[in-house]
Amino acid sequence: MERDGMVIRTIYPTIPPRVEYELSPLGHSVVALMEGIESWSEKHVAEIMTARERYDLRAAEEPRPVQTG
């Protein structure tokens, strides 16, 4: 995230070493988007959990050959 400009890393030359991270202005600009994703996720958590359960059940099954003709 530092490479992408989302966070600022400050390194303090102490013993033991200390590093602090903070959101950059670019990082702060994405907070509203993340809050929107959080809100959407909370509204759809039941559907997401159901989809995960269905997927896990299918993934646990042995593969079946494709039937042709």
PDB file of N, CA and C in Angstrom:
ATOM      1  N   MET A   1       0.823  -1.189   0.000  1.00  0.00           N
ATOM      2  CA  MET A   1       0.000   0.000   0.000  1.00  0.00           C
ATOM      3  C   MET A   1       0.869   1.256   0.000  1.00  0.00           C
ATOM      4  N   GLU A   2       2.032   1.136   0.593  1.00  0.00           N
ATOM      5  CA  GLU A   2       2.948   2.280   0.541  1.00  0.00           C
ATOM      6  C   GLU A   2       3.374   2.535  -0.902  1.00  0.00           C
ATOM      7  N   ARG A   3       3.673   1.476  -1.610  1.00  0.00           N
ATOM      8  CA  ARG A   3       4.093   1.593  -3.018  1.00  0.00           C
ATOM      9  C   ARG A   3       3.017   2.264  -3.861  1.00  0.00           C
ATOM     10  N   ASP A   4       1.748   1.978  -3.546  1.00  0.00           N
ATOM     11  CA  ASP A   4       0.630   2.551  -4.299  1.00  0.00           C
ATOM     12  C   ASP A   4       0.274   3.964  -3.852  1.00  0.00           C
ATOM     13  N   GLY A   5       0.951   4.462  -2.825  1.00  0.00           N
ATOM     14  CA  GLY A   5       0.697   5.818  -2.365  1.00  0.00           C
ATOM     15  C   GLY A   5      -0.465   5.938  -1.399  1.00  0.00           C
ATOM     16  N   MET A   6      -0.921   4.787  -0.864  1.00  0.00           N
ATOM     17  CA  MET A   6      -2.075   4.801   0.031  1.00  0.00           C
ATOM     18  C   MET A   6      -1.680   5.090   1.478  1.00  0.00           C
ATOM     19  N   VAL A   7      -0.474   4.712   1.866  1.00  0.00           N
ATOM     20  CA  VAL A   7      -0.011   4.942   3.226  1.00  0.00           C
ATOM     21  C   VAL A   7       1.358   5.597   3.221  1.00  0.00           C
ATOM     22  N   ILE A   8       1.650   6.264   4.313  1.00  0.00           N
ATOM     23  CA  ILE A   8       2.960   6.881   4.527  1.00  0.00           C
ATOM     24  C   ILE A   8       3.614   6.118   5.672  1.00  0.00           C
ATOM     25  N   ARG A   9       4.826   5.654   5.436  1.00  0.00           N
ATOM     26  CA  ARG A   9       5.562   4.915   6.458  1.00  0.00           C
ATOM     27  C   ARG A   9       6.675   5.797   6.997  1.00  0.00           C
ATOM     28  N   THR A  10       6.744   5.915   8.304  1.00  0.00           N
ATOM     29  CA  THR A  10       7.802   6.679   8.955  1.00  0.00           C
ATOM     30  C   THR A  10       8.615   5.707   9.798  1.00  0.00           C
ATOM     31  N   ILE A  11       9.912   5.670   9.545  1.00  0.00           N
ATOM     32  CA  ILE A  11      10.815   4.781  10.264  1.00  0.00           C
ATOM     33  C   ILE A  11      11.620   5.611  11.253  1.00  0.00           C
ATOM     34  N   TYR A  12      11.637   5.163  12.502  1.00  0.00           N
ATOM     35  CA  TYR A  12      12.407   5.836  13.538  1.00  0.00           C
ATOM     36  C   TYR A  12      13.638   4.987  13.863  1.00  0.00           C
ATOM     37  N   PRO A  13      14.829   5.561  13.742  1.00  0.00           N
ATOM     38  CA  PRO A  13      16.056   4.795  13.985  1.00  0.00           C
ATOM     39  C   PRO A  13      16.339   4.631  15.478  1.00  0.00           C
ATOM     40  N   THR A  14      15.494   3.854  16.121  1.00  0.00           N
ATOM     41  CA  THR A  14      15.643   3.622  17.559  1.00  0.00           C
ATOM     42  C   THR A  14      15.912   2.141  17.797  1.00  0.00           C
ATOM     43  N   ILE A  15      16.236   1.826  19.032  1.00  0.00           N
ATOM     44  CA  ILE A  15      16.406   0.432  19.404  1.00  0.00           C
ATOM     45  C   ILE A  15      15.376   0.150  20.496  1.00  0.00           C
ATOM     46  N   PRO A  16      14.438  -0.719  20.283  1.00  0.00           N
ATOM     47  CA  PRO A  16      14.186  -1.433  19.031  1.00  0.00           C
ATOM     48  C   PRO A  16      13.625  -0.492  17.973  1.00  0.00           C
ATOM     49  N   PRO A  17      13.755  -0.878  16.706  1.00  0.00           N
ATOM     50  CA  PRO A  17      13.236  -0.012  15.624  1.00  0.00           C
ATOM     51  C   PRO A  17      11.732   0.195  15.776  1.00  0.00           C
ATOM     52  N   ARG A  18      11.289   1.351  15.356  1.00  0.00           N
ATOM     53  CA  ARG A  18       9.858   1.675  15.420  1.00  0.00           C
ATOM     54  C   ARG A  18       9.430   2.202  14.059  1.00  0.00           C
ATOM     55  N   VAL A  19       8.268   1.746  13.624  1.00  0.00           N
ATOM     56  CA  VAL A  19       7.712   2.170  12.335  1.00  0.00           C
ATOM     57  C   VAL A  19       6.264   2.586  12.562  1.00  0.00           C
ATOM     58  N   GLU A  20       5.885   3.705  11.980  1.00  0.00           N
ATOM     59  CA  GLU A  20       4.493   4.159  12.042  1.00  0.00           C
ATOM     60  C   GLU A  20       3.941   4.251  10.625  1.00  0.00           C
ATOM     61  N   TYR A  21       2.669   3.930  10.513  1.00  0.00           N
ATOM     62  CA  TYR A  21       1.969   4.031   9.240  1.00  0.00           C
ATOM     63  C   TYR A  21       0.776   4.960   9.417  1.00  0.00           C
ATOM     64  N   GLU A  22       0.506   5.748   8.391  1.00  0.00           N
ATOM     65  CA  GLU A  22      -0.687   6.598   8.387  1.00  0.00           C
ATOM     66  C   GLU A  22      -1.214   6.686   6.971  1.00  0.00           C
ATOM     67  N   LEU A  23      -2.507   6.953   6.860  1.00  0.00           N
ATOM     68  CA  LEU A  23      -3.073   7.119   5.528  1.00  0.00           C
ATOM     69  C   LEU A  23      -2.541   8.392   4.885  1.00  0.00           C
ATOM     70  N   SER A  24      -2.225   8.281   3.613  1.00  0.00           N
ATOM     71  CA  SER A  24      -1.841   9.462   2.838  1.00  0.00           C
ATOM     72  C   SER A  24      -3.120  10.162   2.388  1.00  0.00           C
ATOM     73  N   PRO A  25      -3.008  11.340   1.770  1.00  0.00           N
ATOM     74  CA  PRO A  25      -4.217  11.968   1.217  1.00  0.00           C
ATOM     75  C   PRO A  25      -4.941  11.040   0.229  1.00  0.00           C
ATOM     76  N   LEU A  26      -4.183  10.304  -0.579  1.00  0.00           N
ATOM     77  CA  LEU A  26      -4.804   9.349  -1.503  1.00  0.00           C
ATOM     78  C   LEU A  26      -5.525   8.250  -0.724  1.00  0.00           C
ATOM     79  N   GLY A  27      -4.917   7.768   0.347  1.00  0.00           N
ATOM     80  CA  GLY A  27      -5.549   6.760   1.188  1.00  0.00           C
ATOM     81  C   GLY A  27      -6.829   7.269   1.822  1.00  0.00           C
ATOM     82  N   HIS A  28      -6.809   8.504   2.287  1.00  0.00           N
ATOM     83  CA  HIS A  28      -8.024   9.093   2.869  1.00  0.00           C
ATOM     84  C   HIS A  28      -9.135   9.208   1.826  1.00  0.00           C
ATOM     85  N   SER A  29      -8.771   9.398   0.565  1.00  0.00           N
ATOM     86  CA  SER A  29      -9.793   9.564  -0.473  1.00  0.00           C
ATOM     87  C   SER A  29     -10.578   8.285  -0.733  1.00  0.00           C
ATOM     88  N   VAL A  30     -10.075   7.148  -0.304  1.00  0.00           N
ATOM     89  CA  VAL A  30     -10.769   5.884  -0.535  1.00  0.00           C
ATOM     90  C   VAL A  30     -11.618   5.453   0.666  1.00  0.00           C
ATOM     91  N   VAL A  31     -11.552   6.185   1.765  1.00  0.00           N
ATOM     92  CA  VAL A  31     -12.295   5.816   2.976  1.00  0.00           C
ATOM     93  C   VAL A  31     -13.797   5.755   2.696  1.00  0.00           C
ATOM     94  N   ALA A  32     -14.350   6.725   2.008  1.00  0.00           N
ATOM     95  CA  ALA A  32     -15.795   6.736   1.732  1.00  0.00           C
ATOM     96  C   ALA A  32     -16.191   5.514   0.900  1.00  0.00           C
ATOM     97  N   LEU A  33     -15.361   5.137  -0.035  1.00  0.00           N
ATOM     98  CA  LEU A  33     -15.620   3.948  -0.844  1.00  0.00           C
ATOM     99  C   LEU A  33     -15.641   2.704   0.046  1.00  0.00           C
ATOM    100  N   MET A  34     -14.681   2.591   0.940  1.00  0.00           N
ATOM    101  CA  MET A  34     -14.616   1.440   1.839  1.00  0.00           C
ATOM    102  C   MET A  34     -15.822   1.411   2.780  1.00  0.00           C
ATOM    103  N   GLU A  35     -16.276   2.573   3.214  1.00  0.00           N
ATOM    104  CA  GLU A  35     -17.473   2.621   4.062  1.00  0.00           C
ATOM    105  C   GLU A  35     -18.693   2.143   3.282  1.00  0.00           C
ATOM    106  N   GLY A  36     -18.751   2.474   2.006  1.00  0.00           N
ATOM    107  CA  GLY A  36     -19.835   1.988   1.154  1.00  0.00           C
ATOM    108  C   GLY A  36     -19.799   0.475   1.006  1.00  0.00           C
ATOM    109  N   ILE A  37     -18.605  -0.074   0.839  1.00  0.00           N
ATOM    110  CA  ILE A  37     -18.458  -1.528   0.746  1.00  0.00           C
ATOM    111  C   ILE A  37     -18.857  -2.183   2.070  1.00  0.00           C
ATOM    112  N   GLU A  38     -18.480  -1.576   3.180  1.00  0.00           N
ATOM    113  CA  GLU A  38     -18.856  -2.104   4.495  1.00  0.00           C
ATOM    114  C   GLU A  38     -20.377  -2.125   4.639  1.00  0.00           C
ATOM    115  N   SER A  39     -21.023  -1.036   4.272  1.00  0.00           N
ATOM    116  CA  SER A  39     -22.478  -0.940   4.378  1.00  0.00           C
ATOM    117  C   SER A  39     -23.153  -1.989   3.499  1.00  0.00           C
ATOM    118  N   TRP A  40     -22.682  -2.136   2.268  1.00  0.00           N
ATOM    119  CA  TRP A  40     -23.242  -3.127   1.350  1.00  0.00           C
ATOM    120  C   TRP A  40     -23.068  -4.532   1.930  1.00  0.00           C
ATOM    121  N   SER A  41     -21.876  -4.818   2.462  1.00  0.00           N
ATOM    122  CA  SER A  41     -21.590  -6.138   3.027  1.00  0.00           C
ATOM    123  C   SER A  41     -22.506  -6.452   4.197  1.00  0.00           C
ATOM    124  N   GLU A  42     -22.738  -5.484   5.053  1.00  0.00           N
ATOM    125  CA  GLU A  42     -23.620  -5.697   6.205  1.00  0.00           C
ATOM    126  C   GLU A  42     -25.049  -5.985   5.758  1.00  0.00           C
ATOM    127  N   LYS A  43     -25.500  -5.330   4.699  1.00  0.00           N
ATOM    128  CA  LYS A  43     -26.854  -5.548   4.192  1.00  0.00           C
ATOM    129  C   LYS A  43     -27.005  -6.916   3.543  1.00  0.00           C
ATOM    130  N   HIS A  44     -25.914  -7.452   2.999  1.00  0.00           N
ATOM    131  CA  HIS A  44     -25.976  -8.691   2.219  1.00  0.00           C
ATOM    132  C   HIS A  44     -25.258  -9.861   2.882  1.00  0.00           C
ATOM    133  N   VAL A  45     -24.955  -9.757   4.170  1.00  0.00           N
ATOM    134  CA  VAL A  45     -24.179 -10.802   4.839  1.00  0.00           C
ATOM    135  C   VAL A  45     -24.881 -12.157   4.795  1.00  0.00           C
ATOM    136  N   ALA A  46     -26.192 -12.195   4.925  1.00  0.00           N
ATOM    137  CA  ALA A  46     -26.911 -13.478   4.888  1.00  0.00           C
ATOM    138  C   ALA A  46     -26.765 -14.130   3.519  1.00  0.00           C
ATOM    139  N   GLU A  47     -26.890 -13.339   2.454  1.00  0.00           N
ATOM    140  CA  GLU A  47     -26.750 -13.878   1.103  1.00  0.00           C
ATOM    141  C   GLU A  47     -25.318 -14.365   0.849  1.00  0.00           C
ATOM    142  N   ILE A  48     -24.362 -13.623   1.347  1.00  0.00           N
ATOM    143  CA  ILE A  48     -22.956 -14.004   1.185  1.00  0.00           C
ATOM    144  C   ILE A  48     -22.681 -15.321   1.901  1.00  0.00           C
ATOM    145  N   MET A  49     -23.180 -15.457   3.134  1.00  0.00           N
ATOM    146  CA  MET A  49     -22.948 -16.687   3.893  1.00  0.00           C
ATOM    147  C   MET A  49     -23.625 -17.884   3.219  1.00  0.00           C
ATOM    148  N   THR A  50     -24.830 -17.682   2.695  1.00  0.00           N
ATOM    149  CA  THR A  50     -25.520 -18.759   1.979  1.00  0.00           C
ATOM    150  C   THR A  50     -24.731 -19.175   0.750  1.00  0.00           C
ATOM    151  N   ALA A  51     -24.228 -18.201  -0.001  1.00  0.00           N
ATOM    152  CA  ALA A  51     -23.432 -18.508  -1.193  1.00  0.00           C
ATOM    153  C   ALA A  51     -22.165 -19.268  -0.816  1.00  0.00           C
ATOM    154  N   ARG A  52     -21.533 -18.884   0.273  1.00  0.00           N
ATOM    155  CA  ARG A  52     -20.324 -19.590   0.723  1.00  0.00           C
ATOM    156  C   ARG A  52     -20.637 -21.035   1.086  1.00  0.00           C
ATOM    157  N   GLU A  53     -21.760 -21.230   1.794  1.00  0.00           N
ATOM    158  CA  GLU A  53     -22.141 -22.597   2.181  1.00  0.00           C
ATOM    159  C   GLU A  53     -22.406 -23.453   0.955  1.00  0.00           C
ATOM    160  N   ARG A  54     -23.132 -22.915  -0.035  1.00  0.00           N
ATOM    161  CA  ARG A  54     -23.392 -23.654  -1.274  1.00  0.00           C
ATOM    162  C   ARG A  54     -22.085 -23.997  -1.985  1.00  0.00           C
ATOM    163  N   TYR A  55     -21.195 -23.034  -2.057  1.00  0.00           N
ATOM    164  CA  TYR A  55     -19.909 -23.256  -2.717  1.00  0.00           C
ATOM    165  C   TYR A  55     -19.133 -24.353  -2.001  1.00  0.00           C
ATOM    166  N   ASP A  56     -19.064 -24.271  -0.672  1.00  0.00           N
ATOM    167  CA  ASP A  56     -18.312 -25.264   0.102  1.00  0.00           C
ATOM    168  C   ASP A  56     -18.878 -26.660  -0.089  1.00  0.00           C
ATOM    169  N   LEU A  57     -20.196 -26.783  -0.152  1.00  0.00           N
ATOM    170  CA  LEU A  57     -20.806 -28.089  -0.395  1.00  0.00           C
ATOM    171  C   LEU A  57     -20.430 -28.630  -1.768  1.00  0.00           C
ATOM    172  N   ARG A  58     -20.483 -27.773  -2.786  1.00  0.00           N
ATOM    173  CA  ARG A  58     -20.096 -28.209  -4.137  1.00  0.00           C
ATOM    174  C   ARG A  58     -18.621 -28.556  -4.197  1.00  0.00           C
ATOM    175  N   ALA A  59     -17.792 -27.769  -3.545  1.00  0.00           N
ATOM    176  CA  ALA A  59     -16.351 -27.992  -3.580  1.00  0.00           C
ATOM    177  C   ALA A  59     -15.962 -29.297  -2.893  1.00  0.00           C
ATOM    178  N   ALA A  60     -16.773 -29.745  -1.938  1.00  0.00           N
ATOM    179  CA  ALA A  60     -16.480 -30.974  -1.208  1.00  0.00           C
ATOM    180  C   ALA A  60     -16.891 -32.221  -1.995  1.00  0.00           C
ATOM    181  N   GLU A  61     -17.693 -32.049  -3.041  1.00  0.00           N
ATOM    182  CA  GLU A  61     -18.148 -33.184  -3.838  1.00  0.00           C
ATOM    183  C   GLU A  61     -17.055 -33.659  -4.785  1.00  0.00           C
ATOM    184  N   GLU A  62     -17.107 -34.932  -5.102  1.00  0.00           N
ATOM    185  CA  GLU A  62     -16.195 -35.468  -6.102  1.00  0.00           C
ATOM    186  C   GLU A  62     -16.607 -34.924  -7.471  1.00  0.00           C
ATOM    187  N   PRO A  63     -15.634 -34.601  -8.302  1.00  0.00           N
ATOM    188  CA  PRO A  63     -15.977 -34.129  -9.657  1.00  0.00           C
ATOM    189  C   PRO A  63     -16.720 -35.214 -10.430  1.00  0.00           C
ATOM    190  N   ARG A  64     -17.685 -34.801 -11.210  1.00  0.00           N
ATOM    191  CA  ARG A  64     -18.446 -35.743 -12.042  1.00  0.00           C
ATOM    192  C   ARG A  64     -18.053 -35.558 -13.498  1.00  0.00           C
ATOM    193  N   PRO A  65     -17.941 -36.654 -14.236  1.00  0.00           N
ATOM    194  CA  PRO A  65     -17.601 -36.507 -15.657  1.00  0.00           C
ATOM    195  C   PRO A  65     -18.715 -35.789 -16.420  1.00  0.00           C
ATOM    196  N   VAL A  66     -18.336 -35.064 -17.416  1.00  0.00           N
ATOM    197  CA  VAL A  66     -19.299 -34.379 -18.277  1.00  0.00           C
ATOM    198  C   VAL A  66     -19.928 -35.410 -19.193  1.00  0.00           C
ATOM    199  N   GLN A  67     -21.245 -35.386 -19.261  1.00  0.00           N
ATOM    200  CA  GLN A  67     -21.943 -36.335 -20.117  1.00  0.00           C
ATOM    201  C   GLN A  67     -22.213 -35.674 -21.456  1.00  0.00           C
ATOM    202  N   THR A  68     -21.915 -36.372 -22.513  1.00  0.00           N
ATOM    203  CA  THR A  68     -22.156 -35.836 -23.849  1.00  0.00           C
ATOM    204  C   THR A  68     -23.230 -36.653 -24.516  1.00  0.00           C
ATOM    205  N   GLY A  69     -23.873 -36.024 -25.482  1.00  0.00           N
ATOM    206  CA  GLY A  69     -24.807 -36.741 -26.334  1.00  0.00           C
ATOM    207  C   GLY A  69     -26.137 -36.801 -25.800  1.00  0.00           C
TER     208      GLY A  69
END
